[in-house]
Amino acid sequence: MQAPRLPEVTLSLPIALGLVILILGIGAAIVFAVLRGTGRVVEPTQTPTVTMTPTNTATLAPTATNTPLPTFTPLPPLEYTIQSNDTCNGIALFFNVSLQSIVLLNNLPADCGVLSVGQKLQIPQPTPTASPMPTSTLSGAEATDAACEKYNYTVTENDTLSGIAGNFNVSMDSIKEYNGLTGDVVYSGQDLIIPLCQRLPPAGETATPTVPPPYLAPNLLLPADGASFVSSNETITLQWSSVGTLRENETYMVTVEDVTEGTGRKLVDYVTDTKYILPRDFQPTASEPHIIRWYVVPMRQTGTDKDGEAIWATAGTASEPRVFSWSGGSASGAATTPSP
């Protein structure tokens, strides 16, 4: 008699593999739980990743700084002692201030009244003015060229230099000189400058020269405004700055007036230099100081009269006048100003 056989379980291969994997997973979980309970498993600490956030830095725009204008502090008044033959008008003119300012500062009558020798007056000092910025001065040739009327012409086909000169009534030499041409050949599309100021006069007429622009006013340099001269042997030289290169028919007209004498003593002379020496015979003979006023004007000769004398016309602006005092005393010394 045979023994009974145990029941057989048949598994397919995929099921068997799945059971093996399940068993291994359960075993691994059991081992991990045991190790964790003993503290042998440490979970890694997560380190946060730093994200750099760009910071916008505001850049301030440069701030324009205003250049402060020059300011002047009022100067204290001068004390002046009245001398013999002094008048309010003469004192005001000498110190280059108004008569009204002297009257107000000294509480004088409106007409200034009669001054007494030895009387002391407070003289206000004039407020200085800022010197103008230097400006460029055109030379004679530059000023003439700037005043010349010009026309820009583009050469067309079949144009010739002689034909262009004839059309504009300008000589070929003038066109060549203005355009730097060495020959008489021009080409189509070439740009030319036509100097209309050099047009030829009609037959039988004389060309009228182009009048250059006026000069700026000369700047007077010496003597200083309000200077005083008392030496009988001293040479007084008037000096001023140049207005540019004078042409052959141009000069400076120097006018010198003895204000104290009124209109009786006046000197007018013409020089091409920027200085003028006063003649000795113009010095006052009286011992009291005389107020002398002078100024300079650029002039241009426009022709001659029937006697052959030059005919002058102004070629620019007159300078601001200056004054100084001049006496016929014999005391020696350089230019001074009244002591306070």
Foldseek 3Di string as FASTA:
>chain_A
DDDDDDDDDDDDPVVVVVVVVVVVVVVVVVVVVVCVVVVNDDDDDDDDDDDDDDDDDDDDDDDDDDDDDDDDDFDFWAKDFDAPPDDLVVVCQLQVHDSVVQCVQAVAPPRNDDDDGRDITTGGHDTDDDDDDDDDFDAPVRQLVVQFDKDKDFDAPPDWLVNVCVVLQADSVVFCVQVVNPDRDDDGGDITIGRSQRHDDPPPDDRDHGQGAFFEAWAWDPDDFSWEFEALPDKGKTFTDDRHHDDPQKWKWKKKDQVQVPRPDIDIDTHRHRMDIDDSVSADQAQDKTKMKMKMFMWGFPQADPVRHTDIDTRHDIHDMGIYIGGNHNDDDDIDHGHD
